[in-house]
PDB file of N, CA and C in Angstrom:
ATOM      1  N   MET A   1      -4.248  -2.031 -11.043  1.00  0.00           N
ATOM      2  CA  MET A   1      -3.998  -0.848 -10.367  1.00  0.00           C
ATOM      3  C   MET A   1      -2.546  -0.585 -10.120  1.00  0.00           C
ATOM      4  N   LYS A   2      -2.118   0.673  -9.910  1.00  0.00           N
ATOM      5  CA  LYS A   2      -0.738   1.018  -9.714  1.00  0.00           C
ATOM      6  C   LYS A   2      -0.458   1.170  -8.242  1.00  0.00           C
ATOM      7  N   ILE A   3       0.562   0.582  -7.819  1.00  0.00           N
ATOM      8  CA  ILE A   3       0.987   0.721  -6.364  1.00  0.00           C
ATOM      9  C   ILE A   3       2.398   1.386  -6.386  1.00  0.00           C
ATOM     10  N   LYS A   4       2.501   2.498  -5.649  1.00  0.00           N
ATOM     11  CA  LYS A   4       3.768   3.189  -5.478  1.00  0.00           C
ATOM     12  C   LYS A   4       4.301   3.111  -4.106  1.00  0.00           C
ATOM     13  N   TYR A   5       5.561   2.885  -3.963  1.00  0.00           N
ATOM     14  CA  TYR A   5       6.213   2.667  -2.689  1.00  0.00           C
ATOM     15  C   TYR A   5       7.248   3.770  -2.358  1.00  0.00           C
ATOM     16  N   PHE A   6       7.275   4.197  -1.177  1.00  0.00           N
ATOM     17  CA  PHE A   6       8.191   5.307  -0.802  1.00  0.00           C
ATOM     18  C   PHE A   6       9.049   4.944   0.366  1.00  0.00           C
ATOM     19  N   ALA A   7      10.160   5.674   0.510  1.00  0.00           N
ATOM     20  CA  ALA A   7      11.125   5.548   1.604  1.00  0.00           C
ATOM     21  C   ALA A   7      11.656   4.096   1.707  1.00  0.00           C
ATOM     22  N   TRP A   8      11.695   3.616   2.980  1.00  0.00           N
ATOM     23  CA  TRP A   8      12.233   2.258   3.230  1.00  0.00           C
ATOM     24  C   TRP A   8      11.331   1.138   2.689  1.00  0.00           C
ATOM     25  N   ILE A   9      10.098   1.440   2.380  1.00  0.00           N
ATOM     26  CA  ILE A   9       9.215   0.481   1.847  1.00  0.00           C
ATOM     27  C   ILE A   9       9.676   0.015   0.447  1.00  0.00           C
ATOM     28  N   LYS A  10      10.360   0.932  -0.296  1.00  0.00           N
ATOM     29  CA  LYS A  10      10.946   0.568  -1.577  1.00  0.00           C
ATOM     30  C   LYS A  10      12.012  -0.467  -1.463  1.00  0.00           C
ATOM     31  N   GLU A  11      12.765  -0.382  -0.365  1.00  0.00           N
ATOM     32  CA  GLU A  11      13.778  -1.374  -0.128  1.00  0.00           C
ATOM     33  C   GLU A  11      13.248  -2.788   0.131  1.00  0.00           C
ATOM     34  N   ILE A  12      12.114  -2.793   0.863  1.00  0.00           N
ATOM     35  CA  ILE A  12      11.525  -4.101   1.173  1.00  0.00           C
ATOM     36  C   ILE A  12      10.920  -4.723  -0.080  1.00  0.00           C
ATOM     37  N   THR A  13      10.239  -3.864  -0.898  1.00  0.00           N
ATOM     38  CA  THR A  13       9.528  -4.412  -2.121  1.00  0.00           C
ATOM     39  C   THR A  13      10.475  -4.527  -3.293  1.00  0.00           C
ATOM     40  N   GLN A  14      11.672  -3.799  -3.218  1.00  0.00           N
ATOM     41  CA  GLN A  14      12.643  -3.706  -4.347  1.00  0.00           C
ATOM     42  C   GLN A  14      11.919  -3.095  -5.569  1.00  0.00           C
ATOM     43  N   ASN A  15      10.994  -2.237  -5.371  1.00  0.00           N
ATOM     44  CA  ASN A  15      10.279  -1.585  -6.406  1.00  0.00           C
ATOM     45  C   ASN A  15       9.927  -0.172  -5.979  1.00  0.00           C
ATOM     46  N   ASP A  16       9.986   0.756  -6.952  1.00  0.00           N
ATOM     47  CA  ASP A  16       9.375   2.107  -6.723  1.00  0.00           C
ATOM     48  C   ASP A  16       7.890   2.048  -6.927  1.00  0.00           C
ATOM     49  N   GLU A  17       7.484   1.177  -7.905  1.00  0.00           N
ATOM     50  CA  GLU A  17       6.086   0.986  -8.172  1.00  0.00           C
ATOM     51  C   GLU A  17       5.843  -0.257  -8.892  1.00  0.00           C
ATOM     52  N   GLU A  18       4.598  -0.757  -8.920  1.00  0.00           N
ATOM     53  CA  GLU A  18       4.250  -1.960  -9.660  1.00  0.00           C
ATOM     54  C   GLU A  18       2.804  -1.902 -10.045  1.00  0.00           C
ATOM     55  N   GLU A  19       2.435  -2.619 -11.082  1.00  0.00           N
ATOM     56  CA  GLU A  19       1.045  -2.820 -11.507  1.00  0.00           C
ATOM     57  C   GLU A  19       0.687  -4.174 -10.960  1.00  0.00           C
ATOM     58  N   ILE A  20      -0.600  -4.208 -10.388  1.00  0.00           N
ATOM     59  CA  ILE A  20      -1.087  -5.542  -9.902  1.00  0.00           C
ATOM     60  C   ILE A  20      -2.448  -5.746 -10.492  1.00  0.00           C
ATOM     61  N   ASN A  21      -2.800  -7.069 -10.595  1.00  0.00           N
ATOM     62  CA  ASN A  21      -4.059  -7.491 -11.116  1.00  0.00           C
ATOM     63  C   ASN A  21      -5.141  -7.140 -10.088  1.00  0.00           C
ATOM     64  N   SER A  22      -5.975  -6.251 -10.369  1.00  0.00           N
ATOM     65  CA  SER A  22      -6.983  -5.844  -9.360  1.00  0.00           C
ATOM     66  C   SER A  22      -8.245  -6.710  -9.377  1.00  0.00           C
ATOM     67  N   ASP A  23      -8.333  -7.785 -10.172  1.00  0.00           N
ATOM     68  CA  ASP A  23      -9.427  -8.642 -10.206  1.00  0.00           C
ATOM     69  C   ASP A  23      -9.641  -9.296  -8.824  1.00  0.00           C
ATOM     70  N   GLU A  24      -8.591  -9.567  -8.166  1.00  0.00           N
ATOM     71  CA  GLU A  24      -8.652 -10.240  -6.851  1.00  0.00           C
ATOM     72  C   GLU A  24      -8.609  -9.302  -5.665  1.00  0.00           C
ATOM     73  N   ILE A  25      -8.534  -7.952  -5.944  1.00  0.00           N
ATOM     74  CA  ILE A  25      -8.529  -7.002  -4.841  1.00  0.00           C
ATOM     75  C   ILE A  25      -9.625  -5.970  -5.063  1.00  0.00           C
ATOM     76  N   ASP A  26     -10.563  -6.004  -4.141  1.00  0.00           N
ATOM     77  CA  ASP A  26     -11.718  -5.116  -4.202  1.00  0.00           C
ATOM     78  C   ASP A  26     -11.748  -3.889  -3.232  1.00  0.00           C
ATOM     79  N   ASN A  27     -10.868  -4.070  -2.235  1.00  0.00           N
ATOM     80  CA  ASN A  27     -10.809  -2.989  -1.166  1.00  0.00           C
ATOM     81  C   ASN A  27      -9.481  -2.841  -0.530  1.00  0.00           C
ATOM     82  N   LEU A  28      -9.272  -1.910   0.319  1.00  0.00           N
ATOM     83  CA  LEU A  28      -7.968  -1.614   0.891  1.00  0.00           C
ATOM     84  C   LEU A  28      -7.521  -2.791   1.799  1.00  0.00           C
ATOM     85  N   ASP A  29      -8.434  -3.390   2.527  1.00  0.00           N
ATOM     86  CA  ASP A  29      -8.032  -4.570   3.371  1.00  0.00           C
ATOM     87  C   ASP A  29      -7.524  -5.676   2.532  1.00  0.00           C
ATOM     88  N   GLN A  30      -8.114  -5.949   1.452  1.00  0.00           N
ATOM     89  CA  GLN A  30      -7.654  -7.054   0.570  1.00  0.00           C
ATOM     90  C   GLN A  30      -6.320  -6.658  -0.015  1.00  0.00           C
ATOM     91  N   LEU A  31      -6.084  -5.459  -0.361  1.00  0.00           N
ATOM     92  CA  LEU A  31      -4.769  -4.972  -0.841  1.00  0.00           C
ATOM     93  C   LEU A  31      -3.690  -5.177   0.266  1.00  0.00           C
ATOM     94  N   LYS A  32      -3.983  -4.906   1.467  1.00  0.00           N
ATOM     95  CA  LYS A  32      -2.974  -5.006   2.587  1.00  0.00           C
ATOM     96  C   LYS A  32      -2.676  -6.527   2.672  1.00  0.00           C
ATOM     97  N   LYS A  33      -3.700  -7.421   2.652  1.00  0.00           N
ATOM     98  CA  LYS A  33      -3.429  -8.821   2.666  1.00  0.00           C
ATOM     99  C   LYS A  33      -2.558  -9.336   1.537  1.00  0.00           C
ATOM    100  N   PHE A  34      -2.828  -8.831   0.413  1.00  0.00           N
ATOM    101  CA  PHE A  34      -2.074  -9.140  -0.783  1.00  0.00           C
ATOM    102  C   PHE A  34      -0.560  -8.733  -0.618  1.00  0.00           C
ATOM    103  N   LEU A  35      -0.359  -7.528  -0.106  1.00  0.00           N
ATOM    104  CA  LEU A  35       0.990  -7.025   0.047  1.00  0.00           C
ATOM    105  C   LEU A  35       1.715  -7.851   1.188  1.00  0.00           C
ATOM    106  N   MET A  36       1.031  -8.220   2.204  1.00  0.00           N
ATOM    107  CA  MET A  36       1.630  -8.950   3.312  1.00  0.00           C
ATOM    108  C   MET A  36       2.046 -10.333   2.760  1.00  0.00           C
ATOM    109  N   ASN A  37       1.234 -10.936   1.956  1.00  0.00           N
ATOM    110  CA  ASN A  37       1.572 -12.301   1.356  1.00  0.00           C
ATOM    111  C   ASN A  37       2.740 -12.135   0.387  1.00  0.00           C
ATOM    112  N   LYS A  38       2.805 -11.051  -0.432  1.00  0.00           N
ATOM    113  CA  LYS A  38       3.857 -10.885  -1.414  1.00  0.00           C
ATOM    114  C   LYS A  38       5.131 -10.401  -0.717  1.00  0.00           C
ATOM    115  N   TYR A  39       5.076  -9.643   0.304  1.00  0.00           N
ATOM    116  CA  TYR A  39       6.220  -9.007   0.974  1.00  0.00           C
ATOM    117  C   TYR A  39       6.124  -9.335   2.461  1.00  0.00           C
ATOM    118  N   PRO A  40       6.484 -10.501   2.961  1.00  0.00           N
ATOM    119  CA  PRO A  40       6.288 -10.847   4.353  1.00  0.00           C
ATOM    120  C   PRO A  40       7.020  -9.846   5.338  1.00  0.00           C
ATOM    121  N   ASP A  41       8.113  -9.241   4.831  1.00  0.00           N
ATOM    122  CA  ASP A  41       8.774  -8.321   5.739  1.00  0.00           C
ATOM    123  C   ASP A  41       7.953  -7.069   6.051  1.00  0.00           C
ATOM    124  N   LEU A  42       6.871  -6.918   5.363  1.00  0.00           N
ATOM    125  CA  LEU A  42       5.955  -5.753   5.688  1.00  0.00           C
ATOM    126  C   LEU A  42       4.907  -6.149   6.772  1.00  0.00           C
ATOM    127  N   ILE A  43       4.850  -7.356   7.131  1.00  0.00           N
ATOM    128  CA  ILE A  43       3.807  -7.846   8.091  1.00  0.00           C
ATOM    129  C   ILE A  43       3.951  -7.047   9.424  1.00  0.00           C
ATOM    130  N   LYS A  44       5.158  -7.030   9.943  1.00  0.00           N
ATOM    131  CA  LYS A  44       5.350  -6.319  11.307  1.00  0.00           C
ATOM    132  C   LYS A  44       4.936  -4.827  11.179  1.00  0.00           C
ATOM    133  N   HIS A  45       5.103  -4.175  10.080  1.00  0.00           N
ATOM    134  CA  HIS A  45       4.672  -2.848   9.927  1.00  0.00           C
ATOM    135  C   HIS A  45       3.146  -2.636   9.838  1.00  0.00           C
ATOM    136  N   PHE A  46       2.468  -3.617   9.134  1.00  0.00           N
ATOM    137  CA  PHE A  46       1.027  -3.619   9.074  1.00  0.00           C
ATOM    138  C   PHE A  46       0.468  -3.825  10.411  1.00  0.00           C
ATOM    139  N   ASN A  47       1.107  -4.793  11.194  1.00  0.00           N
ATOM    140  CA  ASN A  47       0.578  -5.128  12.500  1.00  0.00           C
ATOM    141  C   ASN A  47       0.652  -4.005  13.507  1.00  0.00           C
ATOM    142  N   LYS A  48       1.708  -3.120  13.327  1.00  0.00           N
ATOM    143  CA  LYS A  48       1.896  -1.942  14.151  1.00  0.00           C
ATOM    144  C   LYS A  48       1.029  -0.757  13.590  1.00  0.00           C
ATOM    145  N   GLU A  49       0.428  -0.967  12.476  1.00  0.00           N
ATOM    146  CA  GLU A  49      -0.407   0.072  11.792  1.00  0.00           C
ATOM    147  C   GLU A  49       0.345   1.361  11.530  1.00  0.00           C
ATOM    148  N   ILE A  50       1.609   1.207  11.178  1.00  0.00           N
ATOM    149  CA  ILE A  50       2.405   2.457  10.833  1.00  0.00           C
ATOM    150  C   ILE A  50       2.477   2.821   9.426  1.00  0.00           C
ATOM    151  N   LEU A  51       2.057   1.912   8.510  1.00  0.00           N
ATOM    152  CA  LEU A  51       2.068   2.251   7.073  1.00  0.00           C
ATOM    153  C   LEU A  51       0.852   3.135   6.809  1.00  0.00           C
ATOM    154  N   ARG A  52       1.125   4.057   5.903  1.00  0.00           N
ATOM    155  CA  ARG A  52      -0.027   4.954   5.478  1.00  0.00           C
ATOM    156  C   ARG A  52      -0.298   4.695   4.008  1.00  0.00           C
ATOM    157  N   PHE A  53      -1.611   4.990   3.643  1.00  0.00           N
ATOM    158  CA  PHE A  53      -2.001   4.828   2.275  1.00  0.00           C
ATOM    159  C   PHE A  53      -2.667   6.032   1.725  1.00  0.00           C
ATOM    160  N   ALA A  54      -2.471   6.317   0.488  1.00  0.00           N
ATOM    161  CA  ALA A  54      -3.198   7.316  -0.227  1.00  0.00           C
ATOM    162  C   ALA A  54      -3.753   6.691  -1.500  1.00  0.00           C
ATOM    163  N   VAL A  55      -4.985   6.960  -1.836  1.00  0.00           N
ATOM    164  CA  VAL A  55      -5.635   6.416  -3.037  1.00  0.00           C
ATOM    165  C   VAL A  55      -5.895   7.635  -3.859  1.00  0.00           C
ATOM    166  N   ASN A  56      -5.335   7.710  -5.058  1.00  0.00           N
ATOM    167  CA  ASN A  56      -5.530   8.826  -6.054  1.00  0.00           C
ATOM    168  C   ASN A  56      -5.146  10.117  -5.290  1.00  0.00           C
ATOM    169  N   GLN A  57      -4.093  10.117  -4.589  1.00  0.00           N
ATOM    170  CA  GLN A  57      -3.505  11.282  -3.917  1.00  0.00           C
ATOM    171  C   GLN A  57      -4.293  11.824  -2.752  1.00  0.00           C
ATOM    172  N   GLU A  58      -5.136  10.936  -2.155  1.00  0.00           N
ATOM    173  CA  GLU A  58      -5.843  11.320  -0.974  1.00  0.00           C
ATOM    174  C   GLU A  58      -5.563  10.339   0.166  1.00  0.00           C
ATOM    175  N   TYR A  59      -5.145  10.793   1.365  1.00  0.00           N
ATOM    176  CA  TYR A  59      -4.972   9.991   2.463  1.00  0.00           C
ATOM    177  C   TYR A  59      -6.236   9.131   2.828  1.00  0.00           C
ATOM    178  N   ILE A  60      -5.929   7.865   3.083  1.00  0.00           N
ATOM    179  CA  ILE A  60      -7.135   6.930   3.430  1.00  0.00           C
ATOM    180  C   ILE A  60      -6.799   6.350   4.816  1.00  0.00           C
ATOM    181  N   VAL A  61      -7.756   6.335   5.622  1.00  0.00           N
ATOM    182  CA  VAL A  61      -7.569   5.694   6.990  1.00  0.00           C
ATOM    183  C   VAL A  61      -8.624   4.577   7.252  1.00  0.00           C
ATOM    184  N   GLU A  62      -9.552   4.357   6.289  1.00  0.00           N
ATOM    185  CA  GLU A  62     -10.517   3.283   6.439  1.00  0.00           C
ATOM    186  C   GLU A  62     -10.501   2.384   5.188  1.00  0.00           C
ATOM    187  N   ASN A  63     -11.202   1.275   5.358  1.00  0.00           N
ATOM    188  CA  ASN A  63     -11.302   0.304   4.328  1.00  0.00           C
ATOM    189  C   ASN A  63     -12.203   0.925   3.172  1.00  0.00           C
ATOM    190  N   ILE A  64     -11.698   1.090   1.974  1.00  0.00           N
ATOM    191  CA  ILE A  64     -12.492   1.675   0.936  1.00  0.00           C
ATOM    192  C   ILE A  64     -12.473   0.754  -0.251  1.00  0.00           C
ATOM    193  N   LYS A  65     -13.443   0.811  -1.214  1.00  0.00           N
ATOM    194  CA  LYS A  65     -13.504   0.095  -2.354  1.00  0.00           C
ATOM    195  C   LYS A  65     -12.429   0.651  -3.397  1.00  0.00           C
ATOM    196  N   LEU A  66     -11.753  -0.299  -4.025  1.00  0.00           N
ATOM    197  CA  LEU A  66     -10.712   0.042  -4.941  1.00  0.00           C
ATOM    198  C   LEU A  66     -11.142  -0.338  -6.348  1.00  0.00           C
ATOM    199  N   ASN A  67     -10.571   0.263  -7.410  1.00  0.00           N
ATOM    200  CA  ASN A  67     -10.871  -0.205  -8.772  1.00  0.00           C
ATOM    201  C   ASN A  67      -9.565  -0.188  -9.556  1.00  0.00           C
ATOM    202  N   SER A  68      -9.638  -0.773 -10.731  1.00  0.00           N
ATOM    203  CA  SER A  68      -8.411  -0.978 -11.552  1.00  0.00           C
ATOM    204  C   SER A  68      -7.649   0.217 -12.000  1.00  0.00           C
ATOM    205  N   LYS A  69      -8.346   1.375 -11.979  1.00  0.00           N
ATOM    206  CA  LYS A  69      -7.658   2.632 -12.448  1.00  0.00           C
ATOM    207  C   LYS A  69      -7.043   3.441 -11.240  1.00  0.00           C
ATOM    208  N   ASP A  70      -7.179   2.846 -10.027  1.00  0.00           N
ATOM    209  CA  ASP A  70      -6.655   3.565  -8.837  1.00  0.00           C
ATOM    210  C   ASP A  70      -5.114   3.553  -8.762  1.00  0.00           C
ATOM    211  N   GLU A  71      -4.572   4.660  -8.216  1.00  0.00           N
ATOM    212  CA  GLU A  71      -3.203   4.684  -7.878  1.00  0.00           C
ATOM    213  C   GLU A  71      -3.026   4.697  -6.451  1.00  0.00           C
ATOM    214  N   ILE A  72      -2.410   3.769  -5.843  1.00  0.00           N
ATOM    215  CA  ILE A  72      -2.257   3.681  -4.399  1.00  0.00           C
ATOM    216  C   ILE A  72      -0.815   3.866  -4.026  1.00  0.00           C
ATOM    217  N   ALA A  73      -0.590   4.842  -3.072  1.00  0.00           N
ATOM    218  CA  ALA A  73       0.720   5.091  -2.493  1.00  0.00           C
ATOM    219  C   ALA A  73       0.826   4.432  -1.187  1.00  0.00           C
ATOM    220  N   VAL A  74       2.002   3.837  -0.893  1.00  0.00           N
ATOM    221  CA  VAL A  74       2.200   3.177   0.397  1.00  0.00           C
ATOM    222  C   VAL A  74       3.481   3.833   0.942  1.00  0.00           C
ATOM    223  N   PHE A  75       3.360   4.381   2.178  1.00  0.00           N
ATOM    224  CA  PHE A  75       4.518   5.095   2.685  1.00  0.00           C
ATOM    225  C   PHE A  75       4.484   5.124   4.236  1.00  0.00           C
ATOM    226  N   PRO A  76       5.645   5.257   4.828  1.00  0.00           N
ATOM    227  CA  PRO A  76       5.732   5.320   6.301  1.00  0.00           C
ATOM    228  C   PRO A  76       5.222   6.651   6.801  1.00  0.00           C
ATOM    229  N   PRO A  77       5.000   6.761   8.136  1.00  0.00           N
ATOM    230  CA  PRO A  77       4.539   8.061   8.657  1.00  0.00           C
ATOM    231  C   PRO A  77       5.550   9.143   8.335  1.00  0.00           C
ATOM    232  N   VAL A  78       5.112  10.315   8.118  1.00  0.00           N
ATOM    233  CA  VAL A  78       5.868  11.487   7.785  1.00  0.00           C
ATOM    234  C   VAL A  78       5.809  12.425   8.942  1.00  0.00           C
ATOM    235  N   SER A  79       7.030  12.855   9.416  1.00  0.00           N
ATOM    236  CA  SER A  79       7.035  13.857  10.486  1.00  0.00           C
ATOM    237  C   SER A  79       7.660  15.107   9.938  1.00  0.00           C
ATOM    238  N   GLY A  80       7.192  16.194  10.367  1.00  0.00           N
ATOM    239  CA  GLY A  80       7.754  17.469  10.001  1.00  0.00           C
ATOM    240  C   GLY A  80       8.387  18.232  11.124  1.00  0.00           C
ATOM    241  N   GLY A  81       8.988  19.287  10.798  1.00  0.00           N
ATOM    242  CA  GLY A  81       9.661  20.118  11.819  1.00  0.00           C
ATOM    243  C   GLY A  81       9.852  21.504  11.400  1.00  0.00           C
TER     244      GLY A  81
END
């Protein structure tokens, strides 16, 4: 699956995007655990629940099943004005 990072998350991961092996990741909660293990600096942001996710360009707020063809975007909250 493809993971895309936005804003300051790119600085933490040092990537705009990456492909990951989805054999070990079946759902959004498992993806979050994977990302926290790979990028420990993200842990505090996951704990505060400030990171947002979109799967195939749709905002997701619950744990959903993922598959190898999914594109997941990880981004901070967006405010408008």
